[in-house]
Amino acid sequence: MFKSYWISISFGLAALFLVISFAKLYLAFADASHLLIIHFDPFRGIDFLGDKSDAFGIAWTGVSILLTNLLLAWGFFDRLSILSKFLAVATAALSALILLAVSVIIRIN
């Protein structure tokens, strides 16, 4: 898709992180009907409760960011390839953070 191998690898890695996030969420909360702890503060305790759609919403936000950045990187590649590389790396880093957040939510619940 891209002329640069590293941009393709970065977006592929971001997509892989998001697929792992969805798989972990599905395996953990497929049959959950109770409220889930979405945010926990060590000083104040539980601040935000939600259901499984809120947990999946975190991963869907990552997918929308991935698609937006992919289109922007594809559009800017011929003019500003450094911006495309930055978008690719930032998307992979953000997807890794989403995977970390999903893992913490699963661990808390």
C-alpha atoms as a PDB file:
ATOM      1  CA  MET A   1       0.000   0.000   0.000  1.00  0.00           C
ATOM      2  CA  PHE A   2       2.696   2.486   0.977  1.00  0.00           C
ATOM      3  CA  LYS A   3       6.020   2.892  -0.728  1.00  0.00           C
ATOM      4  CA  SER A   4       7.668   2.874   2.672  1.00  0.00           C
ATOM      5  CA  TYR A   5       8.031  -0.497   4.348  1.00  0.00           C
ATOM      6  CA  TRP A   6       8.176   1.013   7.850  1.00  0.00           C
ATOM      7  CA  ILE A   7       4.892   2.856   7.510  1.00  0.00           C
ATOM      8  CA  SER A   8       3.145  -0.343   6.460  1.00  0.00           C
ATOM      9  CA  ILE A   9       4.732  -2.235   9.355  1.00  0.00           C
ATOM     10  CA  SER A  10       3.697   0.456  11.845  1.00  0.00           C
ATOM     11  CA  PHE A  11       0.069   0.491  10.710  1.00  0.00           C
ATOM     12  CA  GLY A  12       0.034  -3.302  10.613  1.00  0.00           C
ATOM     13  CA  LEU A  13       1.337  -3.418  14.173  1.00  0.00           C
ATOM     14  CA  ALA A  14      -1.327  -0.922  15.249  1.00  0.00           C
ATOM     15  CA  ALA A  15      -4.025  -3.065  13.642  1.00  0.00           C
ATOM     16  CA  LEU A  16      -2.626  -6.164  15.354  1.00  0.00           C
ATOM     17  CA  PHE A  17      -2.738  -4.426  18.757  1.00  0.00           C
ATOM     18  CA  LEU A  18      -6.369  -3.477  18.180  1.00  0.00           C
ATOM     19  CA  VAL A  19      -7.314  -7.005  17.095  1.00  0.00           C
ATOM     20  CA  ILE A  20      -5.690  -8.360  20.266  1.00  0.00           C
ATOM     21  CA  SER A  21      -7.639  -5.760  22.291  1.00  0.00           C
ATOM     22  CA  PHE A  22     -10.940  -6.858  20.758  1.00  0.00           C
ATOM     23  CA  ALA A  23     -10.095 -10.526  21.308  1.00  0.00           C
ATOM     24  CA  LYS A  24      -9.217  -9.953  24.960  1.00  0.00           C
ATOM     25  CA  LEU A  25     -12.390  -7.936  25.532  1.00  0.00           C
ATOM     26  CA  TYR A  26     -14.559 -10.542  23.850  1.00  0.00           C
ATOM     27  CA  LEU A  27     -13.035 -13.422  25.783  1.00  0.00           C
ATOM     28  CA  ALA A  28     -13.332 -11.586  29.086  1.00  0.00           C
ATOM     29  CA  PHE A  29     -16.750  -9.944  28.736  1.00  0.00           C
ATOM     30  CA  ALA A  30     -18.733 -11.903  26.146  1.00  0.00           C
ATOM     31  CA  ASP A  31     -21.320 -13.062  28.686  1.00  0.00           C
ATOM     32  CA  ALA A  32     -20.968 -10.231  31.224  1.00  0.00           C
ATOM     33  CA  SER A  33     -24.205  -8.566  32.242  1.00  0.00           C
ATOM     34  CA  HIS A  34     -22.938  -6.712  35.303  1.00  0.00           C
ATOM     35  CA  LEU A  35     -21.396  -3.264  35.548  1.00  0.00           C
ATOM     36  CA  LEU A  36     -17.701  -3.034  34.774  1.00  0.00           C
ATOM     37  CA  ILE A  37     -15.114  -0.828  36.408  1.00  0.00           C
ATOM     38  CA  ILE A  38     -13.857   1.420  33.622  1.00  0.00           C
ATOM     39  CA  HIS A  39     -11.725   3.807  35.691  1.00  0.00           C
ATOM     40  CA  PHE A  40     -10.166   3.360  39.123  1.00  0.00           C
ATOM     41  CA  ASP A  41      -8.302   6.031  41.045  1.00  0.00           C
ATOM     42  CA  PRO A  42      -6.160   4.831  43.978  1.00  0.00           C
ATOM     43  CA  PHE A  43      -7.057   7.921  46.036  1.00  0.00           C
ATOM     44  CA  ARG A  44     -10.813   8.175  45.375  1.00  0.00           C
ATOM     45  CA  GLY A  45     -11.584   4.591  44.372  1.00  0.00           C
ATOM     46  CA  ILE A  46     -13.931   3.731  41.535  1.00  0.00           C
ATOM     47  CA  ASP A  47     -14.839   6.835  39.506  1.00  0.00           C
ATOM     48  CA  PHE A  48     -16.528   5.393  36.450  1.00  0.00           C
ATOM     49  CA  LEU A  49     -18.695   2.324  36.020  1.00  0.00           C
ATOM     50  CA  GLY A  50     -19.947   1.145  32.674  1.00  0.00           C
ATOM     51  CA  ASP A  51     -21.082  -1.903  30.814  1.00  0.00           C
ATOM     52  CA  LYS A  52     -19.330  -3.966  28.181  1.00  0.00           C
ATOM     53  CA  SER A  53     -20.289  -1.561  25.386  1.00  0.00           C
ATOM     54  CA  ASP A  54     -18.206   1.131  27.100  1.00  0.00           C
ATOM     55  CA  ALA A  55     -15.221  -1.223  27.232  1.00  0.00           C
ATOM     56  CA  PHE A  56     -15.652  -2.078  23.550  1.00  0.00           C
ATOM     57  CA  GLY A  57     -16.036   1.641  22.834  1.00  0.00           C
ATOM     58  CA  ILE A  58     -12.421   2.153  23.851  1.00  0.00           C
ATOM     59  CA  ALA A  59     -11.287  -0.318  21.205  1.00  0.00           C
ATOM     60  CA  TRP A  60     -13.656   1.139  18.573  1.00  0.00           C
ATOM     61  CA  THR A  61     -12.170   4.559  19.244  1.00  0.00           C
ATOM     62  CA  GLY A  62      -8.774   3.060  18.440  1.00  0.00           C
ATOM     63  CA  VAL A  63     -10.119   1.675  15.167  1.00  0.00           C
ATOM     64  CA  SER A  64     -11.512   5.054  14.140  1.00  0.00           C
ATOM     65  CA  ILE A  65      -8.190   6.744  14.963  1.00  0.00           C
ATOM     66  CA  LEU A  66      -6.334   4.067  12.989  1.00  0.00           C
ATOM     67  CA  LEU A  67      -8.510   4.558   9.917  1.00  0.00           C
ATOM     68  CA  THR A  68      -8.312   8.354  10.120  1.00  0.00           C
ATOM     69  CA  ASN A  69      -4.532   8.348  10.472  1.00  0.00           C
ATOM     70  CA  LEU A  70      -4.184   5.765   7.716  1.00  0.00           C
ATOM     71  CA  LEU A  71      -6.120   7.969   5.296  1.00  0.00           C
ATOM     72  CA  LEU A  72      -4.177  11.059   6.342  1.00  0.00           C
ATOM     73  CA  ALA A  73      -0.834   9.275   5.974  1.00  0.00           C
ATOM     74  CA  TRP A  74      -1.834   7.951   2.563  1.00  0.00           C
ATOM     75  CA  GLY A  75      -2.879  11.444   1.437  1.00  0.00           C
ATOM     76  CA  PHE A  76       0.243  13.184   2.758  1.00  0.00           C
ATOM     77  CA  PHE A  77       2.801  10.574   1.691  1.00  0.00           C
ATOM     78  CA  ASP A  78       3.801  12.164  -1.616  1.00  0.00           C
ATOM     79  CA  ARG A  79       4.112  15.683  -0.184  1.00  0.00           C
ATOM     80  CA  LEU A  80       5.240  15.168   3.418  1.00  0.00           C
ATOM     81  CA  SER A  81       6.516  11.663   3.973  1.00  0.00           C
ATOM     82  CA  ILE A  82       7.842  12.563   7.431  1.00  0.00           C
ATOM     83  CA  LEU A  83       4.284  13.367   8.522  1.00  0.00           C
ATOM     84  CA  SER A  84       3.142   9.982   7.250  1.00  0.00           C
ATOM     85  CA  LYS A  85       5.890   8.295   9.246  1.00  0.00           C
ATOM     86  CA  PHE A  86       4.975  10.267  12.352  1.00  0.00           C
ATOM     87  CA  LEU A  87       1.293   9.340  11.993  1.00  0.00           C
ATOM     88  CA  ALA A  88       2.179   5.674  11.562  1.00  0.00           C
ATOM     89  CA  VAL A  89       4.388   5.538  14.652  1.00  0.00           C
ATOM     90  CA  ALA A  90       1.944   7.572  16.739  1.00  0.00           C
ATOM     91  CA  THR A  91      -0.913   5.271  15.742  1.00  0.00           C
ATOM     92  CA  ALA A  92       1.084   2.188  16.729  1.00  0.00           C
ATOM     93  CA  ALA A  93       1.960   3.775  20.079  1.00  0.00           C
ATOM     94  CA  LEU A  94      -1.655   4.757  20.713  1.00  0.00           C
ATOM     95  CA  SER A  95      -2.859   1.261  19.843  1.00  0.00           C
ATOM     96  CA  ALA A  96      -0.335  -0.173  22.300  1.00  0.00           C
ATOM     97  CA  LEU A  97      -1.712   2.165  24.982  1.00  0.00           C
ATOM     98  CA  ILE A  98      -5.261   1.039  24.173  1.00  0.00           C
ATOM     99  CA  LEU A  99      -4.143  -2.578  24.524  1.00  0.00           C
ATOM    100  CA  LEU A 100      -2.620  -1.693  27.898  1.00  0.00           C
ATOM    101  CA  ALA A 101      -5.822   0.063  29.017  1.00  0.00           C
ATOM    102  CA  VAL A 102      -7.956  -2.893  27.955  1.00  0.00           C
ATOM    103  CA  SER A 103      -5.660  -5.255  29.847  1.00  0.00           C
ATOM    104  CA  VAL A 104      -5.978  -3.121  32.993  1.00  0.00           C
ATOM    105  CA  ILE A 105      -9.768  -2.994  32.707  1.00  0.00           C
ATOM    106  CA  ILE A 106      -9.892  -6.770  32.349  1.00  0.00           C
ATOM    107  CA  ARG A 107      -7.535  -7.248  35.299  1.00  0.00           C
ATOM    108  CA  ILE A 108      -9.549  -4.938  37.569  1.00  0.00           C
ATOM    109  CA  ASN A 109     -12.802  -6.684  36.771  1.00  0.00           C
END
